[in-house]
Amino acid sequence: MAKMTRKDLLNAPDEFVTTTSTIVKWTKENPLRLAAITTIVVVLITSGIGFYYWKTNRESTAMLAYTAAYNNSQMTLQVIDDYPDTKAGKLSRLRLAGQAYGQNEYTMALNHSQEFISSWGHEDIFYWEGILIMSASYLGLDTMDKAIPLLEECIANSSGNIRDQALFYKAQALIGLNKNDEAMQSLMKISDAYQDIAKISLAQLEQSPGEITDAE
């Protein structure tokens, strides 16, 4: 391979200069196209910034409305109507599910929790709370077999208090299906934080193996 001399290097074409010259030449020959491209780029950038500002402002406004609604179901429903695509709008479904469950309206709680889970999109503490409410609602409706798969998913993928609650609800579902041995196994897996409740249920199972323990 021939060795390049300093003269060869100096005489070699400069790619940057060549490319720049080509661009300059094109812009001189196509001023209208350049103007159109520039306009499109500016519009896209401006639209992106505007949409981001609108989205951020909408999320903030929705969260303020969600906070103000607190335990008022009508105001919470209004948040859903006004801001259905926001985090606050979706969390409002979870709030309504919890409120309905607390009032023993299990079918309504089930519907709200299902809508929340389908719209939330990622598995975090809110998602697992929705799963728990859905499972507890199935227990309230005496459909234990529908609750157990959800609770097993929760036990396998969540942690802390959520997992303990799922283990407890699973035990109640198993008791309802007269599977007391499996229910005892589930109760014994509950952490120390919930052991007092677990011990009460375990004692009831030992005294009355066929008795169904109240989930609440």
Protein backbone atom coordinates (compact mmCIF):
# COMPACT_ATOMS: atom_id res chain seq x y z
CA MET A 1 0.00 0.00 0.00
CA ALA A 2 1.46 3.35 -1.09
CA LYS A 3 2.24 5.78 1.68
CA MET A 4 0.33 9.11 1.47
CA THR A 5 2.50 12.19 1.47
CA ARG A 6 1.71 15.54 3.08
CA LYS A 7 0.94 16.89 -0.38
CA ASP A 8 -1.54 14.10 -1.02
CA LEU A 9 -3.30 14.87 2.25
CA LEU A 10 -3.51 18.57 1.48
CA ASN A 11 -4.89 17.86 -1.99
CA ALA A 12 -7.49 15.36 -0.73
CA PRO A 13 -11.08 16.61 -0.96
CA ASP A 14 -12.54 17.98 2.27
CA GLU A 15 -15.82 16.15 2.85
CA PHE A 16 -17.18 18.83 5.18
CA VAL A 17 -16.49 21.58 2.70
CA THR A 18 -17.92 19.49 -0.15
CA THR A 19 -21.11 18.71 1.77
CA THR A 20 -21.52 22.31 2.86
CA SER A 21 -21.08 23.56 -0.67
CA THR A 22 -23.68 21.08 -1.90
CA ILE A 23 -26.18 22.23 0.73
CA VAL A 24 -25.57 25.90 -0.01
CA LYS A 25 -26.00 25.26 -3.73
CA TRP A 26 -29.26 23.36 -3.13
CA THR A 27 -30.69 26.14 -0.95
CA LYS A 28 -29.91 28.73 -3.62
CA GLU A 29 -31.56 26.62 -6.30
CA ASN A 30 -34.61 25.64 -4.15
CA PRO A 31 -35.58 28.65 -1.99
CA LEU A 32 -39.29 27.74 -1.93
CA ARG A 33 -38.64 24.16 -0.82
CA LEU A 34 -36.30 25.41 1.89
CA ALA A 35 -38.94 27.84 3.13
CA ALA A 36 -41.57 25.08 3.18
CA ILE A 37 -39.30 22.68 5.09
CA THR A 38 -38.37 25.39 7.58
CA THR A 39 -42.03 26.25 8.15
CA ILE A 40 -42.94 22.61 8.74
CA VAL A 41 -40.11 22.16 11.25
CA VAL A 42 -41.10 25.31 13.15
CA VAL A 43 -44.76 24.27 13.24
CA LEU A 44 -43.86 20.80 14.52
CA ILE A 45 -41.62 22.17 17.27
CA THR A 46 -44.19 24.79 18.29
CA SER A 47 -46.99 22.22 18.31
CA GLY A 48 -44.92 19.82 20.41
CA ILE A 49 -44.14 22.49 22.98
CA GLY A 50 -47.77 23.62 23.04
CA PHE A 51 -49.10 20.09 23.50
CA TYR A 52 -46.62 19.38 26.31
CA TYR A 53 -47.66 22.56 28.13
CA TRP A 54 -51.36 21.74 27.64
CA LYS A 55 -50.91 18.16 28.83
CA THR A 56 -48.91 19.19 31.91
CA ASN A 57 -51.39 21.89 32.82
CA ARG A 58 -54.32 19.50 32.34
CA GLU A 59 -52.73 16.86 34.57
CA SER A 60 -52.13 19.46 37.30
CA THR A 61 -55.69 20.80 37.11
CA ALA A 62 -57.12 17.27 37.20
CA MET A 63 -55.05 16.34 40.26
CA LEU A 64 -56.25 19.44 42.09
CA ALA A 65 -59.85 18.45 41.31
CA TYR A 66 -59.13 14.88 42.47
CA THR A 67 -57.70 16.15 45.76
CA ALA A 68 -60.64 18.50 46.31
CA ALA A 69 -63.14 15.69 45.67
CA TYR A 70 -61.71 13.57 48.51
CA ASN A 71 -64.53 11.21 49.63
CA ASN A 72 -67.30 12.97 47.71
CA SER A 73 -68.47 10.42 45.12
CA GLN A 74 -70.29 12.98 42.97
CA MET A 75 -67.23 15.23 42.74
CA THR A 76 -65.08 12.16 42.03
CA LEU A 77 -67.40 11.18 39.18
CA GLN A 78 -67.05 14.71 37.83
CA VAL A 79 -63.28 14.30 37.74
CA ILE A 80 -63.76 11.16 35.63
CA ASP A 81 -66.11 12.99 33.26
CA ASP A 82 -63.89 16.06 32.91
CA TYR A 83 -60.45 14.43 32.87
CA PRO A 84 -60.85 10.76 31.78
CA ASP A 85 -57.43 10.61 30.10
CA THR A 86 -55.44 11.89 33.10
CA LYS A 87 -53.90 10.03 36.04
CA ALA A 88 -56.35 11.76 38.36
CA GLY A 89 -59.28 10.65 36.23
CA LYS A 90 -58.10 7.04 36.32
CA LEU A 91 -57.34 7.15 40.05
CA SER A 92 -60.87 8.42 40.60
CA ARG A 93 -62.09 5.03 39.39
CA LEU A 94 -59.99 3.34 42.05
CA ARG A 95 -61.37 5.69 44.70
CA LEU A 96 -64.95 4.94 43.66
CA ALA A 97 -64.19 1.22 43.73
CA GLY A 98 -62.95 1.51 47.31
CA GLN A 99 -65.95 3.59 48.35
CA ALA A 100 -68.39 1.13 46.77
CA TYR A 101 -66.70 -1.82 48.46
CA GLY A 102 -66.87 -0.03 51.81
CA GLN A 103 -70.62 0.29 51.32
CA ASN A 104 -70.95 -3.42 50.42
CA GLU A 105 -71.88 -2.53 46.85
CA TYR A 106 -69.73 -5.31 45.45
CA THR A 107 -70.93 -5.28 41.86
CA MET A 108 -70.27 -1.56 41.57
CA ALA A 109 -66.87 -1.96 43.23
CA LEU A 110 -66.05 -4.74 40.80
CA ASN A 111 -67.00 -2.65 37.76
CA HIS A 112 -64.99 0.39 38.91
CA SER A 113 -61.92 -1.68 39.79
CA GLN A 114 -62.02 -3.49 36.44
CA GLU A 115 -62.19 -0.18 34.55
CA PHE A 116 -59.31 1.21 36.59
CA ILE A 117 -57.07 -1.81 36.01
CA SER A 118 -57.75 -1.85 32.27
CA SER A 119 -56.91 1.85 31.95
CA TRP A 120 -53.98 2.23 34.37
CA GLY A 121 -51.41 0.48 32.21
CA HIS A 122 -48.61 -0.37 34.66
CA GLU A 123 -48.23 -2.59 37.71
CA ASP A 124 -47.60 -0.38 40.73
CA ILE A 125 -49.17 -0.07 44.17
CA PHE A 126 -52.35 1.45 42.72
CA TYR A 127 -52.71 -1.43 40.27
CA TRP A 128 -52.42 -3.99 43.05
CA GLU A 129 -54.90 -2.07 45.20
CA GLY A 130 -57.32 -2.36 42.30
CA ILE A 131 -56.66 -6.11 42.13
CA LEU A 132 -57.34 -6.43 45.87
CA ILE A 133 -60.63 -4.53 45.62
CA MET A 134 -61.68 -6.65 42.66
CA SER A 135 -60.79 -9.84 44.54
CA ALA A 136 -62.55 -8.73 47.72
CA SER A 137 -65.62 -7.85 45.65
CA TYR A 138 -65.68 -11.36 44.21
CA LEU A 139 -65.52 -12.66 47.78
CA GLY A 140 -68.44 -10.43 48.70
CA LEU A 141 -70.38 -11.85 45.78
CA ASP A 142 -69.49 -15.43 46.88
CA THR A 143 -67.61 -16.14 43.66
CA MET A 144 -64.47 -17.43 45.35
CA ASP A 145 -63.14 -19.20 42.27
CA LYS A 146 -62.86 -15.88 40.40
CA ALA A 147 -60.99 -14.22 43.25
CA ILE A 148 -58.26 -16.82 43.71
CA PRO A 149 -56.39 -16.36 40.36
CA LEU A 150 -56.27 -12.59 40.92
CA LEU A 151 -54.99 -13.05 44.45
CA GLU A 152 -52.33 -15.50 43.32
CA GLU A 153 -51.15 -12.95 40.74
CA CYS A 154 -51.00 -10.34 43.47
CA ILE A 155 -49.10 -12.62 45.85
CA ALA A 156 -46.56 -13.52 43.17
CA ASN A 157 -45.86 -9.97 41.99
CA SER A 158 -46.51 -7.55 44.86
CA SER A 159 -44.89 -7.10 48.26
CA GLY A 160 -45.41 -5.72 51.75
CA ASN A 161 -48.92 -5.01 52.99
CA ILE A 162 -50.44 -5.66 49.57
CA ARG A 163 -49.05 -9.21 49.52
CA ASP A 164 -50.16 -9.85 53.10
CA GLN A 165 -53.69 -8.72 52.34
CA ALA A 166 -53.75 -10.89 49.23
CA LEU A 167 -52.67 -13.92 51.29
CA PHE A 168 -55.40 -13.19 53.83
CA TYR A 169 -58.10 -12.81 51.17
CA LYS A 170 -56.90 -15.97 49.46
CA ALA A 171 -57.31 -17.83 52.75
CA GLN A 172 -60.88 -16.56 53.03
CA ALA A 173 -61.61 -17.66 49.47
CA LEU A 174 -60.18 -21.12 50.16
CA ILE A 175 -62.24 -21.41 53.34
CA GLY A 176 -65.31 -20.54 51.29
CA LEU A 177 -64.41 -23.46 49.01
CA ASN A 178 -63.90 -25.75 52.05
CA LYS A 179 -60.17 -26.00 51.36
CA ASN A 180 -59.14 -25.31 54.93
CA ASP A 181 -55.71 -26.96 54.79
CA GLU A 182 -54.71 -24.71 51.87
CA ALA A 183 -56.21 -21.74 53.69
CA MET A 184 -54.01 -22.43 56.73
CA GLN A 185 -50.94 -22.57 54.50
CA SER A 186 -51.84 -19.19 53.03
CA LEU A 187 -52.35 -17.67 56.49
CA MET A 188 -48.99 -18.97 57.72
CA LYS A 189 -47.20 -17.11 54.90
CA ILE A 190 -48.44 -13.74 56.14
CA SER A 191 -45.67 -11.54 57.52
CA ASP A 192 -45.35 -10.38 61.13
CA ALA A 193 -47.21 -7.14 60.36
CA TYR A 194 -50.46 -9.06 59.88
CA GLN A 195 -49.77 -12.08 62.08
CA ASP A 196 -52.29 -11.04 64.74
CA ILE A 197 -55.13 -11.25 62.22
CA ALA A 198 -53.71 -14.44 60.74
CA LYS A 199 -53.54 -16.10 64.18
CA ILE A 200 -57.20 -15.35 64.84
CA SER A 201 -58.22 -17.00 61.57
CA LEU A 202 -55.88 -19.93 62.20
CA ALA A 203 -57.38 -20.46 65.65
CA GLN A 204 -60.89 -20.40 64.19
CA LEU A 205 -59.89 -22.98 61.59
CA GLU A 206 -58.41 -25.27 64.24
CA GLN A 207 -61.54 -25.00 66.42
CA SER A 208 -64.11 -25.22 63.64
CA PRO A 209 -62.49 -26.68 60.49
CA GLY A 210 -65.70 -26.43 58.47
CA GLU A 211 -66.61 -22.90 59.49
CA ILE A 212 -66.28 -20.05 56.98
CA THR A 213 -64.40 -17.08 58.44
CA ASP A 214 -65.68 -13.58 57.74
CA ALA A 215 -63.22 -11.78 55.37
CA GLU A 216 -63.78 -8.53 57.18
